[in-house]
Amino acid sequence: MSAWITFVTCRFVGYDSNMRSDRELIIGALDTIKDGYRAVAAFPLETLTRSEKHALLARLEELDKEWVTLDRKLIGQLIAGGDPAVFGGTSWADVLSRRLRISPGEAQRRIGEARSA
């Protein structure tokens, strides 16, 4: 089965609290996104025309912005909800830098963006 067919047939089923937990639904949706990414990454990009490549770049940029928005929303909820010591950190920047394997400066930048969103 081609990667594209796998992606198309791996649809996310709408929310229904009686079916599965929110956590399971989120994991399923993320698995679907990962499958979609793999399908797109496996596509022979050299077969695209220049204008198709530009359109793909624009679409990827759009998706990236949406992903960053969700990321900042999640960070905002995380830092508003408690003490970083619960996660073994002295600050939220410390927690995020260790968990996400990013620099403390990058973690602080993301926290600042989350707070201003």
PDB file of N, CA and C in Angstrom:
ATOM      1  N   MET A   1       0.860  -1.175   0.000  1.00  0.00           N
ATOM      2  CA  MET A   1       0.000   0.000   0.000  1.00  0.00           C
ATOM      3  C   MET A   1       0.901   1.231   0.000  1.00  0.00           C
ATOM      4  N   SER A   2       0.629   2.171  -0.869  1.00  0.00           N
ATOM      5  CA  SER A   2       1.465   3.365  -0.943  1.00  0.00           C
ATOM      6  C   SER A   2       1.259   4.226   0.292  1.00  0.00           C
ATOM      7  N   ALA A   3       2.249   5.099   0.532  1.00  0.00           N
ATOM      8  CA  ALA A   3       2.166   5.999   1.687  1.00  0.00           C
ATOM      9  C   ALA A   3       0.942   6.900   1.568  1.00  0.00           C
ATOM     10  N   TRP A   4       0.634   7.354   0.355  1.00  0.00           N
ATOM     11  CA  TRP A   4      -0.500   8.251   0.151  1.00  0.00           C
ATOM     12  C   TRP A   4      -1.813   7.556   0.504  1.00  0.00           C
ATOM     13  N   ILE A   5      -1.971   6.325   0.061  1.00  0.00           N
ATOM     14  CA  ILE A   5      -3.199   5.583   0.363  1.00  0.00           C
ATOM     15  C   ILE A   5      -3.300   5.355   1.866  1.00  0.00           C
ATOM     16  N   THR A   6      -2.174   5.046   2.508  1.00  0.00           N
ATOM     17  CA  THR A   6      -2.177   4.864   3.951  1.00  0.00           C
ATOM     18  C   THR A   6      -2.662   6.126   4.640  1.00  0.00           C
ATOM     19  N   PHE A   7      -2.158   7.281   4.199  1.00  0.00           N
ATOM     20  CA  PHE A   7      -2.555   8.555   4.793  1.00  0.00           C
ATOM     21  C   PHE A   7      -4.041   8.812   4.586  1.00  0.00           C
ATOM     22  N   VAL A   8      -4.532   8.603   3.388  1.00  0.00           N
ATOM     23  CA  VAL A   8      -5.925   8.893   3.073  1.00  0.00           C
ATOM     24  C   VAL A   8      -6.864   7.991   3.863  1.00  0.00           C
ATOM     25  N   THR A   9      -6.480   6.751   4.068  1.00  0.00           N
ATOM     26  CA  THR A   9      -7.366   5.825   4.770  1.00  0.00           C
ATOM     27  C   THR A   9      -7.259   5.932   6.278  1.00  0.00           C
ATOM     28  N   CYS A  10      -6.285   6.666   6.782  1.00  0.00           N
ATOM     29  CA  CYS A  10      -6.080   6.810   8.221  1.00  0.00           C
ATOM     30  C   CYS A  10      -6.715   8.107   8.683  1.00  0.00           C
ATOM     31  N   ARG A  11      -8.035   8.182   8.653  1.00  0.00           N
ATOM     32  CA  ARG A  11      -8.785   9.397   8.992  1.00  0.00           C
ATOM     33  C   ARG A  11      -8.987   9.498  10.489  1.00  0.00           C
ATOM     34  N   PHE A  12      -9.043  10.727  10.954  1.00  0.00           N
ATOM     35  CA  PHE A  12      -9.377  10.991  12.351  1.00  0.00           C
ATOM     36  C   PHE A  12     -10.885  11.022  12.473  1.00  0.00           C
ATOM     37  N   VAL A  13     -11.413  10.208  13.392  1.00  0.00           N
ATOM     38  CA  VAL A  13     -12.850  10.172  13.628  1.00  0.00           C
ATOM     39  C   VAL A  13     -13.182  11.296  14.589  1.00  0.00           C
ATOM     40  N   GLY A  14     -14.264  12.009  14.346  1.00  0.00           N
ATOM     41  CA  GLY A  14     -14.667  13.140  15.175  1.00  0.00           C
ATOM     42  C   GLY A  14     -14.794  12.796  16.641  1.00  0.00           C
ATOM     43  N   TYR A  15     -14.817  13.824  17.438  1.00  0.00           N
ATOM     44  CA  TYR A  15     -14.861  13.670  18.890  1.00  0.00           C
ATOM     45  C   TYR A  15     -16.169  13.026  19.335  1.00  0.00           C
ATOM     46  N   ASP A  16     -16.039  12.038  20.168  1.00  0.00           N
ATOM     47  CA  ASP A  16     -17.182  11.393  20.805  1.00  0.00           C
ATOM     48  C   ASP A  16     -16.698  10.883  22.150  1.00  0.00           C
ATOM     49  N   SER A  17     -17.077  11.566  23.210  1.00  0.00           N
ATOM     50  CA  SER A  17     -16.574  11.237  24.544  1.00  0.00           C
ATOM     51  C   SER A  17     -16.941   9.819  24.979  1.00  0.00           C
ATOM     52  N   ASN A  18     -17.943   9.221  24.364  1.00  0.00           N
ATOM     53  CA  ASN A  18     -18.330   7.858  24.730  1.00  0.00           C
ATOM     54  C   ASN A  18     -17.439   6.816  24.069  1.00  0.00           C
ATOM     55  N   MET A  19     -16.713   7.207  23.001  1.00  0.00           N
ATOM     56  CA  MET A  19     -15.874   6.240  22.293  1.00  0.00           C
ATOM     57  C   MET A  19     -14.573   5.963  23.039  1.00  0.00           C
ATOM     58  N   ARG A  20     -13.786   7.016  23.238  1.00  0.00           N
ATOM     59  CA  ARG A  20     -12.477   6.875  23.871  1.00  0.00           C
ATOM     60  C   ARG A  20     -12.186   8.127  24.686  1.00  0.00           C
ATOM     61  N   SER A  21     -11.136   8.048  25.477  1.00  0.00           N
ATOM     62  CA  SER A  21     -10.767   9.205  26.283  1.00  0.00           C
ATOM     63  C   SER A  21     -10.171  10.304  25.399  1.00  0.00           C
ATOM     64  N   ASP A  22     -10.155  11.526  25.925  1.00  0.00           N
ATOM     65  CA  ASP A  22      -9.545  12.640  25.200  1.00  0.00           C
ATOM     66  C   ASP A  22      -8.090  12.332  24.880  1.00  0.00           C
ATOM     67  N   ARG A  23      -7.382  11.772  25.826  1.00  0.00           N
ATOM     68  CA  ARG A  23      -5.968  11.435  25.616  1.00  0.00           C
ATOM     69  C   ARG A  23      -5.807  10.486  24.433  1.00  0.00           C
ATOM     70  N   GLU A  24      -6.627   9.466  24.374  1.00  0.00           N
ATOM     71  CA  GLU A  24      -6.556   8.504  23.267  1.00  0.00           C
ATOM     72  C   GLU A  24      -6.881   9.174  21.932  1.00  0.00           C
ATOM     73  N   LEU A  25      -7.861  10.069  21.945  1.00  0.00           N
ATOM     74  CA  LEU A  25      -8.226  10.776  20.719  1.00  0.00           C
ATOM     75  C   LEU A  25      -7.095  11.684  20.250  1.00  0.00           C
ATOM     76  N   ILE A  26      -6.455  12.363  21.192  1.00  0.00           N
ATOM     77  CA  ILE A  26      -5.339  13.239  20.837  1.00  0.00           C
ATOM     78  C   ILE A  26      -4.185  12.424  20.278  1.00  0.00           C
ATOM     79  N   ILE A  27      -3.850  11.332  20.915  1.00  0.00           N
ATOM     80  CA  ILE A  27      -2.767  10.474  20.428  1.00  0.00           C
ATOM     81  C   ILE A  27      -3.104   9.944  19.039  1.00  0.00           C
ATOM     82  N   GLY A  28      -4.351   9.536  18.829  1.00  0.00           N
ATOM     83  CA  GLY A  28      -4.770   9.062  17.507  1.00  0.00           C
ATOM     84  C   GLY A  28      -4.650  10.144  16.445  1.00  0.00           C
ATOM     85  N   ALA A  29      -5.054  11.355  16.803  1.00  0.00           N
ATOM     86  CA  ALA A  29      -4.955  12.473  15.858  1.00  0.00           C
ATOM     87  C   ALA A  29      -3.495  12.779  15.544  1.00  0.00           C
ATOM     88  N   LEU A  30      -2.634  12.764  16.559  1.00  0.00           N
ATOM     89  CA  LEU A  30      -1.207  13.007  16.318  1.00  0.00           C
ATOM     90  C   LEU A  30      -0.579  11.896  15.471  1.00  0.00           C
ATOM     91  N   ASP A  31      -1.001  10.664  15.692  1.00  0.00           N
ATOM     92  CA  ASP A  31      -0.517   9.563  14.850  1.00  0.00           C
ATOM     93  C   ASP A  31      -0.933   9.777  13.396  1.00  0.00           C
ATOM     94  N   THR A  32      -2.148  10.264  13.192  1.00  0.00           N
ATOM     95  CA  THR A  32      -2.628  10.546  11.841  1.00  0.00           C
ATOM     96  C   THR A  32      -1.799  11.656  11.200  1.00  0.00           C
ATOM     97  N   ILE A  33      -1.493  12.690  11.977  1.00  0.00           N
ATOM     98  CA  ILE A  33      -0.659  13.776  11.461  1.00  0.00           C
ATOM     99  C   ILE A  33       0.718  13.243  11.084  1.00  0.00           C
ATOM    100  N   LYS A  34       1.288  12.407  11.940  1.00  0.00           N
ATOM    101  CA  LYS A  34       2.608  11.830  11.660  1.00  0.00           C
ATOM    102  C   LYS A  34       2.572  10.981  10.396  1.00  0.00           C
ATOM    103  N   ASP A  35       1.519  10.196  10.228  1.00  0.00           N
ATOM    104  CA  ASP A  35       1.361   9.404   9.005  1.00  0.00           C
ATOM    105  C   ASP A  35       1.269  10.309   7.785  1.00  0.00           C
ATOM    106  N   GLY A  36       0.531  11.399   7.914  1.00  0.00           N
ATOM    107  CA  GLY A  36       0.415  12.359   6.818  1.00  0.00           C
ATOM    108  C   GLY A  36       1.750  12.994   6.482  1.00  0.00           C
ATOM    109  N   TYR A  37       2.494  13.368   7.508  1.00  0.00           N
ATOM    110  CA  TYR A  37       3.824  13.936   7.290  1.00  0.00           C
ATOM    111  C   TYR A  37       4.707  12.946   6.537  1.00  0.00           C
ATOM    112  N   ARG A  38       4.709  11.704   6.985  1.00  0.00           N
ATOM    113  CA  ARG A  38       5.536  10.677   6.323  1.00  0.00           C
ATOM    114  C   ARG A  38       5.130  10.485   4.867  1.00  0.00           C
ATOM    115  N   ALA A  39       3.826  10.535   4.603  1.00  0.00           N
ATOM    116  CA  ALA A  39       3.350  10.391   3.227  1.00  0.00           C
ATOM    117  C   ALA A  39       3.845  11.533   2.356  1.00  0.00           C
ATOM    118  N   VAL A  40       3.758  12.749   2.867  1.00  0.00           N
ATOM    119  CA  VAL A  40       4.226  13.910   2.103  1.00  0.00           C
ATOM    120  C   VAL A  40       5.742  13.861   1.948  1.00  0.00           C
ATOM    121  N   ALA A  41       6.467  13.522   3.016  1.00  0.00           N
ATOM    122  CA  ALA A  41       7.923  13.461   2.960  1.00  0.00           C
ATOM    123  C   ALA A  41       8.416  12.390   1.992  1.00  0.00           C
ATOM    124  N   ALA A  42       7.635  11.322   1.807  1.00  0.00           N
ATOM    125  CA  ALA A  42       8.037  10.239   0.910  1.00  0.00           C
ATOM    126  C   ALA A  42       7.754  10.552  -0.553  1.00  0.00           C
ATOM    127  N   PHE A  43       6.959  11.584  -0.790  1.00  0.00           N
ATOM    128  CA  PHE A  43       6.603  11.930  -2.158  1.00  0.00           C
ATOM    129  C   PHE A  43       7.833  12.422  -2.913  1.00  0.00           C
ATOM    130  N   PRO A  44       8.004  12.019  -4.172  1.00  0.00           N
ATOM    131  CA  PRO A  44       9.166  12.478  -4.949  1.00  0.00           C
ATOM    132  C   PRO A  44       9.013  13.962  -5.323  1.00  0.00           C
ATOM    133  N   LEU A  45       9.563  14.829  -4.497  1.00  0.00           N
ATOM    134  CA  LEU A  45       9.391  16.269  -4.681  1.00  0.00           C
ATOM    135  C   LEU A  45       9.946  16.762  -6.020  1.00  0.00           C
ATOM    136  N   GLU A  46      10.905  16.040  -6.563  1.00  0.00           N
ATOM    137  CA  GLU A  46      11.476  16.451  -7.851  1.00  0.00           C
ATOM    138  C   GLU A  46      10.470  16.367  -8.995  1.00  0.00           C
ATOM    139  N   THR A  47       9.364  15.681  -8.776  1.00  0.00           N
ATOM    140  CA  THR A  47       8.350  15.591  -9.825  1.00  0.00           C
ATOM    141  C   THR A  47       7.430  16.810  -9.851  1.00  0.00           C
ATOM    142  N   LEU A  48       7.510  17.652  -8.827  1.00  0.00           N
ATOM    143  CA  LEU A  48       6.662  18.841  -8.776  1.00  0.00           C
ATOM    144  C   LEU A  48       7.232  19.945  -9.657  1.00  0.00           C
ATOM    145  N   THR A  49       6.349  20.733 -10.207  1.00  0.00           N
ATOM    146  CA  THR A  49       6.779  21.901 -10.969  1.00  0.00           C
ATOM    147  C   THR A  49       7.218  22.982  -9.988  1.00  0.00           C
ATOM    148  N   ARG A  50       7.856  24.009 -10.495  1.00  0.00           N
ATOM    149  CA  ARG A  50       8.298  25.112  -9.640  1.00  0.00           C
ATOM    150  C   ARG A  50       7.101  25.754  -8.927  1.00  0.00           C
ATOM    151  N   SER A  51       6.014  25.978  -9.656  1.00  0.00           N
ATOM    152  CA  SER A  51       4.842  26.598  -9.024  1.00  0.00           C
ATOM    153  C   SER A  51       4.214  25.655  -7.999  1.00  0.00           C
ATOM    154  N   GLU A  52       4.236  24.366  -8.231  1.00  0.00           N
ATOM    155  CA  GLU A  52       3.724  23.408  -7.247  1.00  0.00           C
ATOM    156  C   GLU A  52       4.595  23.403  -5.990  1.00  0.00           C
ATOM    157  N   LYS A  53       5.902  23.558  -6.174  1.00  0.00           N
ATOM    158  CA  LYS A  53       6.805  23.631  -5.023  1.00  0.00           C
ATOM    159  C   LYS A  53       6.541  24.898  -4.207  1.00  0.00           C
ATOM    160  N   HIS A  54       6.306  26.002  -4.892  1.00  0.00           N
ATOM    161  CA  HIS A  54       5.964  27.241  -4.190  1.00  0.00           C
ATOM    162  C   HIS A  54       4.662  27.068  -3.408  1.00  0.00           C
ATOM    163  N   ALA A  55       3.675  26.443  -4.027  1.00  0.00           N
ATOM    164  CA  ALA A  55       2.391  26.219  -3.363  1.00  0.00           C
ATOM    165  C   ALA A  55       2.560  25.294  -2.150  1.00  0.00           C
ATOM    166  N   LEU A  56       3.399  24.276  -2.296  1.00  0.00           N
ATOM    167  CA  LEU A  56       3.649  23.364  -1.184  1.00  0.00           C
ATOM    168  C   LEU A  56       4.337  24.099  -0.040  1.00  0.00           C
ATOM    169  N   LEU A  57       5.315  24.937  -0.363  1.00  0.00           N
ATOM    170  CA  LEU A  57       5.981  25.727   0.678  1.00  0.00           C
ATOM    171  C   LEU A  57       4.997  26.637   1.408  1.00  0.00           C
ATOM    172  N   ALA A  58       4.102  27.258   0.659  1.00  0.00           N
ATOM    173  CA  ALA A  58       3.096  28.133   1.276  1.00  0.00           C
ATOM    174  C   ALA A  58       2.185  27.332   2.203  1.00  0.00           C
ATOM    175  N   ARG A  59       1.801  26.160   1.768  1.00  0.00           N
ATOM    176  CA  ARG A  59       0.933  25.305   2.596  1.00  0.00           C
ATOM    177  C   ARG A  59       1.648  24.836   3.850  1.00  0.00           C
ATOM    178  N   LEU A  60       2.930  24.474   3.706  1.00  0.00           N
ATOM    179  CA  LEU A  60       3.704  24.064   4.871  1.00  0.00           C
ATOM    180  C   LEU A  60       3.864  25.212   5.863  1.00  0.00           C
ATOM    181  N   GLU A  61       4.056  26.420   5.350  1.00  0.00           N
ATOM    182  CA  GLU A  61       4.169  27.592   6.213  1.00  0.00           C
ATOM    183  C   GLU A  61       2.864  27.819   6.976  1.00  0.00           C
ATOM    184  N   GLU A  62       1.750  27.657   6.290  1.00  0.00           N
ATOM    185  CA  GLU A  62       0.435  27.803   6.924  1.00  0.00           C
ATOM    186  C   GLU A  62       0.254  26.777   8.043  1.00  0.00           C
ATOM    187  N   LEU A  63       0.614  25.529   7.755  1.00  0.00           N
ATOM    188  CA  LEU A  63       0.499  24.476   8.762  1.00  0.00           C
ATOM    189  C   LEU A  63       1.436  24.730   9.932  1.00  0.00           C
ATOM    190  N   ASP A  64       2.635  25.232   9.643  1.00  0.00           N
ATOM    191  CA  ASP A  64       3.597  25.535  10.692  1.00  0.00           C
ATOM    192  C   ASP A  64       3.043  26.605  11.632  1.00  0.00           C
ATOM    193  N   LYS A  65       2.437  27.636  11.082  1.00  0.00           N
ATOM    194  CA  LYS A  65       1.855  28.699  11.913  1.00  0.00           C
ATOM    195  C   LYS A  65       0.733  28.154  12.792  1.00  0.00           C
ATOM    196  N   GLU A  66      -0.086  27.290  12.248  1.00  0.00           N
ATOM    197  CA  GLU A  66      -1.163  26.691  13.039  1.00  0.00           C
ATOM    198  C   GLU A  66      -0.598  25.820  14.158  1.00  0.00           C
ATOM    199  N   TRP A  67       0.467  25.082  13.857  1.00  0.00           N
ATOM    200  CA  TRP A  67       1.095  24.206  14.836  1.00  0.00           C
ATOM    201  C   TRP A  67       1.708  25.027  15.966  1.00  0.00           C
ATOM    202  N   VAL A  68       2.385  26.130  15.611  1.00  0.00           N
ATOM    203  CA  VAL A  68       2.992  27.000  16.610  1.00  0.00           C
ATOM    204  C   VAL A  68       1.913  27.604  17.507  1.00  0.00           C
ATOM    205  N   THR A  69       0.785  27.989  16.926  1.00  0.00           N
ATOM    206  CA  THR A  69      -0.316  28.545  17.709  1.00  0.00           C
ATOM    207  C   THR A  69      -0.804  27.527  18.734  1.00  0.00           C
ATOM    208  N   LEU A  70      -0.974  26.287  18.321  1.00  0.00           N
ATOM    209  CA  LEU A  70      -1.402  25.229  19.237  1.00  0.00           C
ATOM    210  C   LEU A  70      -0.347  24.989  20.307  1.00  0.00           C
ATOM    211  N   ASP A  71       0.914  24.977  19.911  1.00  0.00           N
ATOM    212  CA  ASP A  71       2.020  24.791  20.843  1.00  0.00           C
ATOM    213  C   ASP A  71       2.009  25.869  21.918  1.00  0.00           C
ATOM    214  N   ARG A  72       1.844  27.115  21.525  1.00  0.00           N
ATOM    215  CA  ARG A  72       1.842  28.217  22.485  1.00  0.00           C
ATOM    216  C   ARG A  72       0.621  28.156  23.399  1.00  0.00           C
ATOM    217  N   LYS A  73      -0.501  27.739  22.865  1.00  0.00           N
ATOM    218  CA  LYS A  73      -1.704  27.587  23.686  1.00  0.00           C
ATOM    219  C   LYS A  73      -1.471  26.516  24.756  1.00  0.00           C
ATOM    220  N   LEU A  74      -0.881  25.421  24.360  1.00  0.00           N
ATOM    221  CA  LEU A  74      -0.597  24.337  25.292  1.00  0.00           C
ATOM    222  C   LEU A  74       0.416  24.774  26.349  1.00  0.00           C
ATOM    223  N   ILE A  75       1.457  25.473  25.942  1.00  0.00           N
ATOM    224  CA  ILE A  75       2.439  25.983  26.903  1.00  0.00           C
ATOM    225  C   ILE A  75       1.759  26.953  27.871  1.00  0.00           C
ATOM    226  N   GLY A  76       0.926  27.836  27.348  1.00  0.00           N
ATOM    227  CA  GLY A  76       0.215  28.783  28.200  1.00  0.00           C
ATOM    228  C   GLY A  76      -0.622  28.092  29.254  1.00  0.00           C
ATOM    229  N   GLN A  77      -1.331  27.043  28.868  1.00  0.00           N
ATOM    230  CA  GLN A  77      -2.155  26.305  29.823  1.00  0.00           C
ATOM    231  C   GLN A  77      -1.296  25.564  30.833  1.00  0.00           C
ATOM    232  N   LEU A  78      -0.167  25.044  30.375  1.00  0.00           N
ATOM    233  CA  LEU A  78       0.731  24.313  31.274  1.00  0.00           C
ATOM    234  C   LEU A  78       1.296  25.236  32.347  1.00  0.00           C
ATOM    235  N   ILE A  79       1.803  26.387  31.937  1.00  0.00           N
ATOM    236  CA  ILE A  79       2.436  27.278  32.916  1.00  0.00           C
ATOM    237  C   ILE A  79       1.421  27.963  33.816  1.00  0.00           C
ATOM    238  N   ALA A  80       0.186  28.097  33.352  1.00  0.00           N
ATOM    239  CA  ALA A  80      -0.853  28.711  34.184  1.00  0.00           C
ATOM    240  C   ALA A  80      -1.389  27.735  35.218  1.00  0.00           C
ATOM    241  N   GLY A  81      -1.150  26.465  34.996  1.00  0.00           N
ATOM    242  CA  GLY A  81      -1.787  25.448  35.814  1.00  0.00           C
ATOM    243  C   GLY A  81      -1.014  24.939  36.999  1.00  0.00           C
ATOM    244  N   GLY A  82       0.139  25.507  37.311  1.00  0.00           N
ATOM    245  CA  GLY A  82       0.825  24.966  38.471  1.00  0.00           C
ATOM    246  C   GLY A  82       2.271  25.366  38.594  1.00  0.00           C
ATOM    247  N   ASP A  83       2.927  24.633  39.438  1.00  0.00           N
ATOM    248  CA  ASP A  83       4.295  24.891  39.835  1.00  0.00           C
ATOM    249  C   ASP A  83       5.255  24.015  39.015  1.00  0.00           C
ATOM    250  N   PRO A  84       6.321  24.602  38.451  1.00  0.00           N
ATOM    251  CA  PRO A  84       7.270  23.795  37.682  1.00  0.00           C
ATOM    252  C   PRO A  84       7.989  22.752  38.526  1.00  0.00           C
ATOM    253  N   ALA A  85       8.013  22.933  39.840  1.00  0.00           N
ATOM    254  CA  ALA A  85       8.662  21.957  40.722  1.00  0.00           C
ATOM    255  C   ALA A  85       7.980  20.590  40.633  1.00  0.00           C
ATOM    256  N   VAL A  86       6.686  20.584  40.302  1.00  0.00           N
ATOM    257  CA  VAL A  86       5.959  19.313  40.142  1.00  0.00           C
ATOM    258  C   VAL A  86       6.611  18.463  39.054  1.00  0.00           C
ATOM    259  N   PHE A  87       7.227  19.139  38.068  1.00  0.00           N
ATOM    260  CA  PHE A  87       7.882  18.441  36.971  1.00  0.00           C
ATOM    261  C   PHE A  87       9.397  18.368  37.163  1.00  0.00           C
ATOM    262  N   GLY A  88       9.848  18.695  38.365  1.00  0.00           N
ATOM    263  CA  GLY A  88      11.264  18.585  38.680  1.00  0.00           C
ATOM    264  C   GLY A  88      12.108  19.748  38.205  1.00  0.00           C
ATOM    265  N   GLY A  89      11.482  20.892  37.953  1.00  0.00           N
ATOM    266  CA  GLY A  89      12.236  22.041  37.478  1.00  0.00           C
ATOM    267  C   GLY A  89      12.174  23.210  38.427  1.00  0.00           C
ATOM    268  N   THR A  90      13.135  24.106  38.269  1.00  0.00           N
ATOM    269  CA  THR A  90      13.148  25.312  39.089  1.00  0.00           C
ATOM    270  C   THR A  90      12.346  26.429  38.444  1.00  0.00           C
ATOM    271  N   SER A  91      12.125  26.302  37.127  1.00  0.00           N
ATOM    272  CA  SER A  91      11.333  27.281  36.381  1.00  0.00           C
ATOM    273  C   SER A  91      10.685  26.558  35.210  1.00  0.00           C
ATOM    274  N   TRP A  92       9.698  27.220  34.582  1.00  0.00           N
ATOM    275  CA  TRP A  92       9.069  26.608  33.412  1.00  0.00           C
ATOM    276  C   TRP A  92      10.057  26.512  32.259  1.00  0.00           C
ATOM    277  N   ALA A  93      10.959  27.482  32.135  1.00  0.00           N
ATOM    278  CA  ALA A  93      11.983  27.412  31.087  1.00  0.00           C
ATOM    279  C   ALA A  93      12.866  26.190  31.301  1.00  0.00           C
ATOM    280  N   ASP A  94      13.183  25.903  32.554  1.00  0.00           N
ATOM    281  CA  ASP A  94      13.986  24.723  32.882  1.00  0.00           C
ATOM    282  C   ASP A  94      13.244  23.445  32.494  1.00  0.00           C
ATOM    283  N   VAL A  95      11.975  23.375  32.867  1.00  0.00           N
ATOM    284  CA  VAL A  95      11.167  22.185  32.550  1.00  0.00           C
ATOM    285  C   VAL A  95      11.077  21.982  31.034  1.00  0.00           C
ATOM    286  N   LEU A  96      10.710  23.044  30.318  1.00  0.00           N
ATOM    287  CA  LEU A  96      10.544  22.913  28.865  1.00  0.00           C
ATOM    288  C   LEU A  96      11.855  22.613  28.162  1.00  0.00           C
ATOM    289  N   SER A  97      12.937  23.226  28.594  1.00  0.00           N
ATOM    290  CA  SER A  97      14.213  22.980  27.922  1.00  0.00           C
ATOM    291  C   SER A  97      14.634  21.524  28.075  1.00  0.00           C
ATOM    292  N   ARG A  98      14.394  20.961  29.247  1.00  0.00           N
ATOM    293  CA  ARG A  98      14.747  19.542  29.433  1.00  0.00           C
ATOM    294  C   ARG A  98      13.786  18.613  28.706  1.00  0.00           C
ATOM    295  N   ARG A  99      12.477  18.883  28.815  1.00  0.00           N
ATOM    296  CA  ARG A  99      11.482  17.998  28.200  1.00  0.00           C
ATOM    297  C   ARG A  99      11.516  18.046  26.676  1.00  0.00           C
ATOM    298  N   LEU A 100      11.717  19.240  26.133  1.00  0.00           N
ATOM    299  CA  LEU A 100      11.686  19.411  24.674  1.00  0.00           C
ATOM    300  C   LEU A 100      13.075  19.380  24.043  1.00  0.00           C
ATOM    301  N   ARG A 101      14.094  19.301  24.899  1.00  0.00           N
ATOM    302  CA  ARG A 101      15.487  19.296  24.440  1.00  0.00           C
ATOM    303  C   ARG A 101      15.804  20.524  23.594  1.00  0.00           C
ATOM    304  N   ILE A 102      15.449  21.673  24.159  1.00  0.00           N
ATOM    305  CA  ILE A 102      15.727  22.960  23.538  1.00  0.00           C
ATOM    306  C   ILE A 102      16.538  23.786  24.528  1.00  0.00           C
ATOM    307  N   SER A 103      17.123  24.863  24.064  1.00  0.00           N
ATOM    308  CA  SER A 103      17.908  25.705  24.963  1.00  0.00           C
ATOM    309  C   SER A 103      16.977  26.427  25.940  1.00  0.00           C
ATOM    310  N   PRO A 104      17.496  26.786  27.103  1.00  0.00           N
ATOM    311  CA  PRO A 104      16.686  27.565  28.046  1.00  0.00           C
ATOM    312  C   PRO A 104      16.208  28.883  27.425  1.00  0.00           C
ATOM    313  N   GLY A 105      17.045  29.498  26.591  1.00  0.00           N
ATOM    314  CA  GLY A 105      16.631  30.736  25.926  1.00  0.00           C
ATOM    315  C   GLY A 105      15.452  30.524  24.990  1.00  0.00           C
ATOM    316  N   GLU A 106      15.492  29.426  24.231  1.00  0.00           N
ATOM    317  CA  GLU A 106      14.365  29.095  23.337  1.00  0.00           C
ATOM    318  C   GLU A 106      13.118  28.799  24.159  1.00  0.00           C
ATOM    319  N   ALA A 107      13.287  28.080  25.266  1.00  0.00           N
ATOM    320  CA  ALA A 107      12.142  27.789  26.140  1.00  0.00           C
ATOM    321  C   ALA A 107      11.543  29.085  26.672  1.00  0.00           C
ATOM    322  N   GLN A 108      12.382  30.006  27.097  1.00  0.00           N
ATOM    323  CA  GLN A 108      11.898  31.280  27.623  1.00  0.00           C
ATOM    324  C   GLN A 108      11.181  32.078  26.539  1.00  0.00           C
ATOM    325  N   ARG A 109      11.696  32.036  25.306  1.00  0.00           N
ATOM    326  CA  ARG A 109      11.048  32.734  24.195  1.00  0.00           C
ATOM    327  C   ARG A 109       9.650  32.182  23.958  1.00  0.00           C
ATOM    328  N   ARG A 110       9.520  30.861  23.974  1.00  0.00           N
ATOM    329  CA  ARG A 110       8.214  30.232  23.763  1.00  0.00           C
ATOM    330  C   ARG A 110       7.241  30.574  24.889  1.00  0.00           C
ATOM    331  N   ILE A 111       7.756  30.619  26.103  1.00  0.00           N
ATOM    332  CA  ILE A 111       6.904  30.985  27.248  1.00  0.00           C
ATOM    333  C   ILE A 111       6.426  32.416  27.084  1.00  0.00           C
ATOM    334  N   GLY A 112       7.320  33.310  26.671  1.00  0.00           N
ATOM    335  CA  GLY A 112       6.937  34.704  26.448  1.00  0.00           C
ATOM    336  C   GLY A 112       5.871  34.821  25.381  1.00  0.00           C
ATOM    337  N   GLU A 113       6.011  34.066  24.300  1.00  0.00           N
ATOM    338  CA  GLU A 113       5.001  34.074  23.237  1.00  0.00           C
ATOM    339  C   GLU A 113       3.672  33.520  23.744  1.00  0.00           C
ATOM    340  N   ALA A 114       3.747  32.481  24.563  1.00  0.00           N
ATOM    341  CA  ALA A 114       2.521  31.877  25.110  1.00  0.00           C
ATOM    342  C   ALA A 114       1.801  32.870  26.015  1.00  0.00           C
ATOM    343  N   ARG A 115       2.552  33.608  26.803  1.00  0.00           N
ATOM    344  CA  ARG A 115       1.941  34.580  27.720  1.00  0.00           C
ATOM    345  C   ARG A 115       1.319  35.750  26.965  1.00  0.00           C
ATOM    346  N   SER A 116       1.893  36.105  25.823  1.00  0.00           N
ATOM    347  CA  SER A 116       1.369  37.255  25.072  1.00  0.00           C
ATOM    348  C   SER A 116       0.273  36.868  24.076  1.00  0.00           C
ATOM    349  N   ALA A 117       0.030  35.569  23.948  1.00  0.00           N
ATOM    350  CA  ALA A 117      -0.989  35.105  22.982  1.00  0.00           C
ATOM    351  C   ALA A 117      -2.382  35.240  23.532  1.00  0.00           C
TER     352      ALA A 117
END
